[in-house]
PDB file of N, CA and C in Angstrom:
ATOM      1  N   MET A   1      10.456 -12.374 -52.704  1.00  0.00           N
ATOM      2  CA  MET A   1       9.248 -11.569 -52.647  1.00  0.00           C
ATOM      3  C   MET A   1       8.130 -12.339 -53.346  1.00  0.00           C
ATOM      4  N   THR A   2       7.031 -12.444 -52.675  1.00  0.00           N
ATOM      5  CA  THR A   2       5.908 -13.170 -53.253  1.00  0.00           C
ATOM      6  C   THR A   2       5.131 -12.273 -54.214  1.00  0.00           C
ATOM      7  N   THR A   3       4.305 -12.888 -55.005  1.00  0.00           N
ATOM      8  CA  THR A   3       3.505 -12.147 -55.979  1.00  0.00           C
ATOM      9  C   THR A   3       2.509 -11.223 -55.291  1.00  0.00           C
ATOM     10  N   SER A   4       1.925 -11.682 -54.204  1.00  0.00           N
ATOM     11  CA  SER A   4       0.951 -10.841 -53.503  1.00  0.00           C
ATOM     12  C   SER A   4       1.627  -9.608 -52.894  1.00  0.00           C
ATOM     13  N   THR A   5       2.862  -9.766 -52.410  1.00  0.00           N
ATOM     14  CA  THR A   5       3.600  -8.618 -51.887  1.00  0.00           C
ATOM     15  C   THR A   5       3.910  -7.625 -52.993  1.00  0.00           C
ATOM     16  N   LEU A   6       4.279  -8.135 -54.145  1.00  0.00           N
ATOM     17  CA  LEU A   6       4.569  -7.270 -55.289  1.00  0.00           C
ATOM     18  C   LEU A   6       3.317  -6.531 -55.762  1.00  0.00           C
ATOM     19  N   ILE A   7       2.191  -7.212 -55.772  1.00  0.00           N
ATOM     20  CA  ILE A   7       0.931  -6.568 -56.166  1.00  0.00           C
ATOM     21  C   ILE A   7       0.566  -5.467 -55.178  1.00  0.00           C
ATOM     22  N   ARG A   8       0.685  -5.745 -53.889  1.00  0.00           N
ATOM     23  CA  ARG A   8       0.385  -4.712 -52.876  1.00  0.00           C
ATOM     24  C   ARG A   8       1.338  -3.530 -52.990  1.00  0.00           C
ATOM     25  N   THR A   9       2.609  -3.813 -53.247  1.00  0.00           N
ATOM     26  CA  THR A   9       3.604  -2.747 -53.383  1.00  0.00           C
ATOM     27  C   THR A   9       3.296  -1.856 -54.575  1.00  0.00           C
ATOM     28  N   LEU A  10       2.987  -2.454 -55.714  1.00  0.00           N
ATOM     29  CA  LEU A  10       2.657  -1.665 -56.906  1.00  0.00           C
ATOM     30  C   LEU A  10       1.372  -0.866 -56.709  1.00  0.00           C
ATOM     31  N   ALA A  11       0.400  -1.435 -56.012  1.00  0.00           N
ATOM     32  CA  ALA A  11      -0.841  -0.707 -55.738  1.00  0.00           C
ATOM     33  C   ALA A  11      -0.574   0.498 -54.835  1.00  0.00           C
ATOM     34  N   TRP A  12       0.245   0.317 -53.811  1.00  0.00           N
ATOM     35  CA  TRP A  12       0.600   1.436 -52.931  1.00  0.00           C
ATOM     36  C   TRP A  12       1.389   2.497 -53.702  1.00  0.00           C
ATOM     37  N   CYS A  13       2.317   2.070 -54.537  1.00  0.00           N
ATOM     38  CA  CYS A  13       3.095   3.021 -55.336  1.00  0.00           C
ATOM     39  C   CYS A  13       2.185   3.835 -56.246  1.00  0.00           C
ATOM     40  N   ALA A  14       1.224   3.187 -56.883  1.00  0.00           N
ATOM     41  CA  ALA A  14       0.292   3.899 -57.755  1.00  0.00           C
ATOM     42  C   ALA A  14      -0.543   4.893 -56.954  1.00  0.00           C
ATOM     43  N   GLY A  15      -1.018   4.478 -55.785  1.00  0.00           N
ATOM     44  CA  GLY A  15      -1.805   5.376 -54.947  1.00  0.00           C
ATOM     45  C   GLY A  15      -1.010   6.587 -54.481  1.00  0.00           C
ATOM     46  N   ILE A  16       0.225   6.365 -54.060  1.00  0.00           N
ATOM     47  CA  ILE A  16       1.076   7.476 -53.610  1.00  0.00           C
ATOM     48  C   ILE A  16       1.393   8.407 -54.780  1.00  0.00           C
ATOM     49  N   ASN A  17       1.679   7.835 -55.933  1.00  0.00           N
ATOM     50  CA  ASN A  17       1.979   8.666 -57.099  1.00  0.00           C
ATOM     51  C   ASN A  17       0.769   9.492 -57.531  1.00  0.00           C
ATOM     52  N   TYR A  18      -0.424   8.922 -57.468  1.00  0.00           N
ATOM     53  CA  TYR A  18      -1.614   9.703 -57.809  1.00  0.00           C
ATOM     54  C   TYR A  18      -1.888  10.786 -56.766  1.00  0.00           C
ATOM     55  N   ALA A  19      -1.569  10.543 -55.500  1.00  0.00           N
ATOM     56  CA  ALA A  19      -1.707  11.585 -54.475  1.00  0.00           C
ATOM     57  C   ALA A  19      -0.746  12.742 -54.763  1.00  0.00           C
ATOM     58  N   ILE A  20       0.485  12.416 -55.154  1.00  0.00           N
ATOM     59  CA  ILE A  20       1.452  13.448 -55.526  1.00  0.00           C
ATOM     60  C   ILE A  20       0.959  14.221 -56.738  1.00  0.00           C
ATOM     61  N   LEU A  21       0.397  13.520 -57.710  1.00  0.00           N
ATOM     62  CA  LEU A  21      -0.124  14.172 -58.911  1.00  0.00           C
ATOM     63  C   LEU A  21      -1.267  15.131 -58.578  1.00  0.00           C
ATOM     64  N   ILE A  22      -2.145  14.729 -57.690  1.00  0.00           N
ATOM     65  CA  ILE A  22      -3.264  15.600 -57.292  1.00  0.00           C
ATOM     66  C   ILE A  22      -2.739  16.826 -56.541  1.00  0.00           C
ATOM     67  N   LEU A  23      -1.778  16.631 -55.634  1.00  0.00           N
ATOM     68  CA  LEU A  23      -1.185  17.768 -54.931  1.00  0.00           C
ATOM     69  C   LEU A  23      -0.493  18.714 -55.903  1.00  0.00           C
ATOM     70  N   TRP A  24       0.184  18.151 -56.885  1.00  0.00           N
ATOM     71  CA  TRP A  24       0.852  18.960 -57.904  1.00  0.00           C
ATOM     72  C   TRP A  24      -0.164  19.823 -58.646  1.00  0.00           C
ATOM     73  N   MET A  25      -1.282  19.220 -59.058  1.00  0.00           N
ATOM     74  CA  MET A  25      -2.292  19.973 -59.796  1.00  0.00           C
ATOM     75  C   MET A  25      -2.930  21.054 -58.922  1.00  0.00           C
ATOM     76  N   LEU A  26      -3.099  20.781 -57.630  1.00  0.00           N
ATOM     77  CA  LEU A  26      -3.696  21.776 -56.744  1.00  0.00           C
ATOM     78  C   LEU A  26      -2.729  22.915 -56.407  1.00  0.00           C
ATOM     79  N   ALA A  27      -1.437  22.622 -56.361  1.00  0.00           N
ATOM     80  CA  ALA A  27      -0.450  23.626 -55.966  1.00  0.00           C
ATOM     81  C   ALA A  27       0.062  24.463 -57.129  1.00  0.00           C
ATOM     82  N   THR A  28      -0.388  24.192 -58.330  1.00  0.00           N
ATOM     83  CA  THR A  28       0.158  24.867 -59.500  1.00  0.00           C
ATOM     84  C   THR A  28      -0.008  26.376 -59.428  1.00  0.00           C
ATOM     85  N   ARG A  29      -1.209  26.855 -59.254  1.00  0.00           N
ATOM     86  CA  ARG A  29      -1.474  28.301 -59.285  1.00  0.00           C
ATOM     87  C   ARG A  29      -0.963  29.007 -58.036  1.00  0.00           C
ATOM     88  N   THR A  30      -1.127  28.391 -56.871  1.00  0.00           N
ATOM     89  CA  THR A  30      -0.832  29.101 -55.631  1.00  0.00           C
ATOM     90  C   THR A  30       0.644  29.065 -55.251  1.00  0.00           C
ATOM     91  N   VAL A  31       1.334  27.971 -55.555  1.00  0.00           N
ATOM     92  CA  VAL A  31       2.706  27.818 -55.095  1.00  0.00           C
ATOM     93  C   VAL A  31       3.704  27.839 -56.250  1.00  0.00           C
ATOM     94  N   MET A  32       3.450  27.021 -57.261  1.00  0.00           N
ATOM     95  CA  MET A  32       4.458  26.813 -58.292  1.00  0.00           C
ATOM     96  C   MET A  32       4.609  28.003 -59.238  1.00  0.00           C
ATOM     97  N   PHE A  33       3.503  28.570 -59.714  1.00  0.00           N
ATOM     98  CA  PHE A  33       3.623  29.665 -60.667  1.00  0.00           C
ATOM     99  C   PHE A  33       4.329  30.879 -60.083  1.00  0.00           C
ATOM    100  N   PRO A  34       3.975  31.358 -58.878  1.00  0.00           N
ATOM    101  CA  PRO A  34       4.726  32.492 -58.328  1.00  0.00           C
ATOM    102  C   PRO A  34       6.218  32.189 -58.125  1.00  0.00           C
ATOM    103  N   MET A  35       6.523  30.956 -57.732  1.00  0.00           N
ATOM    104  CA  MET A  35       7.919  30.572 -57.537  1.00  0.00           C
ATOM    105  C   MET A  35       8.663  30.575 -58.874  1.00  0.00           C
ATOM    106  N   TRP A  36       8.054  29.985 -59.917  1.00  0.00           N
ATOM    107  CA  TRP A  36       8.682  29.971 -61.238  1.00  0.00           C
ATOM    108  C   TRP A  36       8.850  31.383 -61.781  1.00  0.00           C
ATOM    109  N   GLN A  37       7.867  32.222 -61.518  1.00  0.00           N
ATOM    110  CA  GLN A  37       7.936  33.583 -62.021  1.00  0.00           C
ATOM    111  C   GLN A  37       9.097  34.346 -61.366  1.00  0.00           C
ATOM    112  N   ARG A  38       9.296  34.151 -60.065  1.00  0.00           N
ATOM    113  CA  ARG A  38      10.416  34.806 -59.385  1.00  0.00           C
ATOM    114  C   ARG A  38      11.759  34.235 -59.826  1.00  0.00           C
ATOM    115  N   MET A  39      11.827  32.914 -59.942  1.00  0.00           N
ATOM    116  CA  MET A  39      13.114  32.273 -60.211  1.00  0.00           C
ATOM    117  C   MET A  39      13.528  32.362 -61.679  1.00  0.00           C
ATOM    118  N   PHE A  40      12.583  32.151 -62.594  1.00  0.00           N
ATOM    119  CA  PHE A  40      12.937  32.002 -63.999  1.00  0.00           C
ATOM    120  C   PHE A  40      12.361  33.075 -64.913  1.00  0.00           C
ATOM    121  N   LYS A  41      11.544  33.965 -64.370  1.00  0.00           N
ATOM    122  CA  LYS A  41      10.921  35.046 -65.146  1.00  0.00           C
ATOM    123  C   LYS A  41      10.133  34.508 -66.342  1.00  0.00           C
ATOM    124  N   VAL A  42       9.303  33.503 -66.112  1.00  0.00           N
ATOM    125  CA  VAL A  42       8.485  32.924 -67.180  1.00  0.00           C
ATOM    126  C   VAL A  42       7.102  33.562 -67.171  1.00  0.00           C
ATOM    127  N   SER A  43       6.498  33.599 -68.338  1.00  0.00           N
ATOM    128  CA  SER A  43       5.139  34.121 -68.422  1.00  0.00           C
ATOM    129  C   SER A  43       4.157  33.053 -67.939  1.00  0.00           C
ATOM    130  N   GLU A  44       2.929  33.481 -67.722  1.00  0.00           N
ATOM    131  CA  GLU A  44       1.927  32.533 -67.232  1.00  0.00           C
ATOM    132  C   GLU A  44       1.621  31.463 -68.270  1.00  0.00           C
ATOM    133  N   SER A  45       1.583  31.833 -69.535  1.00  0.00           N
ATOM    134  CA  SER A  45       1.295  30.833 -70.572  1.00  0.00           C
ATOM    135  C   SER A  45       2.430  29.817 -70.684  1.00  0.00           C
ATOM    136  N   ASP A  46       3.688  30.274 -70.569  1.00  0.00           N
ATOM    137  CA  ASP A  46       4.808  29.334 -70.598  1.00  0.00           C
ATOM    138  C   ASP A  46       4.803  28.426 -69.371  1.00  0.00           C
ATOM    139  N   ALA A  47       4.475  28.993 -68.214  1.00  0.00           N
ATOM    140  CA  ALA A  47       4.409  28.187 -66.995  1.00  0.00           C
ATOM    141  C   ALA A  47       3.302  27.136 -67.106  1.00  0.00           C
ATOM    142  N   ASN A  48       2.154  27.521 -67.659  1.00  0.00           N
ATOM    143  CA  ASN A  48       1.070  26.555 -67.850  1.00  0.00           C
ATOM    144  C   ASN A  48       1.479  25.444 -68.806  1.00  0.00           C
ATOM    145  N   ARG A  49       2.176  25.806 -69.862  1.00  0.00           N
ATOM    146  CA  ARG A  49       2.628  24.813 -70.840  1.00  0.00           C
ATOM    147  C   ARG A  49       3.623  23.843 -70.202  1.00  0.00           C
ATOM    148  N   LEU A  50       4.591  24.382 -69.455  1.00  0.00           N
ATOM    149  CA  LEU A  50       5.569  23.526 -68.775  1.00  0.00           C
ATOM    150  C   LEU A  50       4.911  22.630 -67.737  1.00  0.00           C
ATOM    151  N   ASN A  51       3.962  23.183 -67.015  1.00  0.00           N
ATOM    152  CA  ASN A  51       3.270  22.413 -65.991  1.00  0.00           C
ATOM    153  C   ASN A  51       2.464  21.274 -66.617  1.00  0.00           C
ATOM    154  N   LEU A  52       1.757  21.561 -67.689  1.00  0.00           N
ATOM    155  CA  LEU A  52       0.988  20.520 -68.365  1.00  0.00           C
ATOM    156  C   LEU A  52       1.900  19.422 -68.892  1.00  0.00           C
ATOM    157  N   LEU A  53       3.030  19.809 -69.457  1.00  0.00           N
ATOM    158  CA  LEU A  53       3.981  18.819 -69.957  1.00  0.00           C
ATOM    159  C   LEU A  53       4.501  17.938 -68.815  1.00  0.00           C
ATOM    160  N   GLY A  54       4.831  18.565 -67.684  1.00  0.00           N
ATOM    161  CA  GLY A  54       5.311  17.791 -66.532  1.00  0.00           C
ATOM    162  C   GLY A  54       4.261  16.836 -66.004  1.00  0.00           C
ATOM    163  N   ILE A  55       3.024  17.307 -65.907  1.00  0.00           N
ATOM    164  CA  ILE A  55       1.934  16.459 -65.431  1.00  0.00           C
ATOM    165  C   ILE A  55       1.715  15.282 -66.377  1.00  0.00           C
ATOM    166  N   MET A  56       1.762  15.548 -67.678  1.00  0.00           N
ATOM    167  CA  MET A  56       1.566  14.470 -68.656  1.00  0.00           C
ATOM    168  C   MET A  56       2.679  13.441 -68.573  1.00  0.00           C
ATOM    169  N   LEU A  57       3.929  13.882 -68.458  1.00  0.00           N
ATOM    170  CA  LEU A  57       5.048  12.944 -68.355  1.00  0.00           C
ATOM    171  C   LEU A  57       4.969  12.124 -67.069  1.00  0.00           C
ATOM    172  N   TYR A  58       4.596  12.765 -65.974  1.00  0.00           N
ATOM    173  CA  TYR A  58       4.461  12.056 -64.701  1.00  0.00           C
ATOM    174  C   TYR A  58       3.347  11.007 -64.777  1.00  0.00           C
ATOM    175  N   LYS A  59       2.242  11.384 -65.408  1.00  0.00           N
ATOM    176  CA  LYS A  59       1.127  10.442 -65.539  1.00  0.00           C
ATOM    177  C   LYS A  59       1.513   9.254 -66.427  1.00  0.00           C
ATOM    178  N   ILE A  60       2.238   9.503 -67.504  1.00  0.00           N
ATOM    179  CA  ILE A  60       2.716   8.410 -68.353  1.00  0.00           C
ATOM    180  C   ILE A  60       3.639   7.493 -67.564  1.00  0.00           C
ATOM    181  N   GLY A  61       4.497   8.078 -66.723  1.00  0.00           N
ATOM    182  CA  GLY A  61       5.379   7.273 -65.882  1.00  0.00           C
ATOM    183  C   GLY A  61       4.605   6.401 -64.911  1.00  0.00           C
ATOM    184  N   ILE A  62       3.536   6.947 -64.335  1.00  0.00           N
ATOM    185  CA  ILE A  62       2.700   6.149 -63.434  1.00  0.00           C
ATOM    186  C   ILE A  62       2.086   4.970 -64.183  1.00  0.00           C
ATOM    187  N   PHE A  63       1.570   5.237 -65.376  1.00  0.00           N
ATOM    188  CA  PHE A  63       0.975   4.153 -66.161  1.00  0.00           C
ATOM    189  C   PHE A  63       2.008   3.083 -66.494  1.00  0.00           C
ATOM    190  N   LEU A  64       3.176   3.504 -66.994  1.00  0.00           N
ATOM    191  CA  LEU A  64       4.171   2.543 -67.460  1.00  0.00           C
ATOM    192  C   LEU A  64       4.824   1.749 -66.336  1.00  0.00           C
ATOM    193  N   PHE A  65       5.115   2.402 -65.221  1.00  0.00           N
ATOM    194  CA  PHE A  65       5.907   1.751 -64.178  1.00  0.00           C
ATOM    195  C   PHE A  65       5.093   1.217 -63.010  1.00  0.00           C
ATOM    196  N   ASN A  66       3.823   1.612 -62.893  1.00  0.00           N
ATOM    197  CA  ASN A  66       3.015   1.127 -61.774  1.00  0.00           C
ATOM    198  C   ASN A  66       1.787   0.362 -62.243  1.00  0.00           C
ATOM    199  N   LEU A  67       0.964   0.982 -63.073  1.00  0.00           N
ATOM    200  CA  LEU A  67      -0.327   0.384 -63.409  1.00  0.00           C
ATOM    201  C   LEU A  67      -0.224  -0.776 -64.394  1.00  0.00           C
ATOM    202  N   VAL A  68       0.616  -0.657 -65.414  1.00  0.00           N
ATOM    203  CA  VAL A  68       0.748  -1.751 -66.385  1.00  0.00           C
ATOM    204  C   VAL A  68       1.323  -3.007 -65.719  1.00  0.00           C
ATOM    205  N   PRO A  69       2.420  -2.903 -64.934  1.00  0.00           N
ATOM    206  CA  PRO A  69       2.881  -4.114 -64.245  1.00  0.00           C
ATOM    207  C   PRO A  69       1.856  -4.666 -63.249  1.00  0.00           C
ATOM    208  N   LEU A  70       1.118  -3.782 -62.586  1.00  0.00           N
ATOM    209  CA  LEU A  70       0.086  -4.228 -61.647  1.00  0.00           C
ATOM    210  C   LEU A  70      -1.006  -5.015 -62.368  1.00  0.00           C
ATOM    211  N   VAL A  71      -1.491  -4.499 -63.467  1.00  0.00           N
ATOM    212  CA  VAL A  71      -2.533  -5.198 -64.235  1.00  0.00           C
ATOM    213  C   VAL A  71      -1.993  -6.514 -64.785  1.00  0.00           C
ATOM    214  N   ALA A  72      -0.752  -6.506 -65.271  1.00  0.00           N
ATOM    215  CA  ALA A  72      -0.164  -7.745 -65.788  1.00  0.00           C
ATOM    216  C   ALA A  72      -0.047  -8.802 -64.695  1.00  0.00           C
ATOM    217  N   LEU A  73       0.360  -8.410 -63.509  1.00  0.00           N
ATOM    218  CA  LEU A  73       0.428  -9.369 -62.402  1.00  0.00           C
ATOM    219  C   LEU A  73      -0.936  -9.882 -61.996  1.00  0.00           C
ATOM    220  N   LEU A  74      -1.918  -8.991 -61.996  1.00  0.00           N
ATOM    221  CA  LEU A  74      -3.271  -9.430 -61.659  1.00  0.00           C
ATOM    222  C   LEU A  74      -3.813 -10.415 -62.674  1.00  0.00           C
ATOM    223  N   ILE A  75      -3.521 -10.187 -63.950  1.00  0.00           N
ATOM    224  CA  ILE A  75      -3.966 -11.106 -65.004  1.00  0.00           C
ATOM    225  C   ILE A  75      -3.272 -12.457 -64.867  1.00  0.00           C
ATOM    226  N   VAL A  76      -1.980 -12.432 -64.616  1.00  0.00           N
ATOM    227  CA  VAL A  76      -1.208 -13.680 -64.535  1.00  0.00           C
ATOM    228  C   VAL A  76      -1.597 -14.509 -63.323  1.00  0.00           C
ATOM    229  N   THR A  77      -1.922 -13.848 -62.210  1.00  0.00           N
ATOM    230  CA  THR A  77      -2.234 -14.605 -60.996  1.00  0.00           C
ATOM    231  C   THR A  77      -3.671 -15.113 -60.951  1.00  0.00           C
ATOM    232  N   ARG A  78      -4.532 -14.683 -61.848  1.00  0.00           N
ATOM    233  CA  ARG A  78      -5.935 -15.141 -61.857  1.00  0.00           C
ATOM    234  C   ARG A  78      -6.065 -16.486 -62.497  1.00  0.00           C
TER     235      ARG A  78
END
């Protein structure tokens, strides 16, 4: 695998992950909260707390596994 292929792959992965993150944030109130309330009987404040924690962990994962290696490759190849 060439460096340019790896850079393109990491860029696509970051873009797809951010699209998933945006969909997650948009679907929270309309889809996820009613589902969690039916399945787990959680309050709205607990659901908001869990959702924020999940979003933060997912965003940290995107930074660590997609963006940091992408930036490092871009720096090394320049």
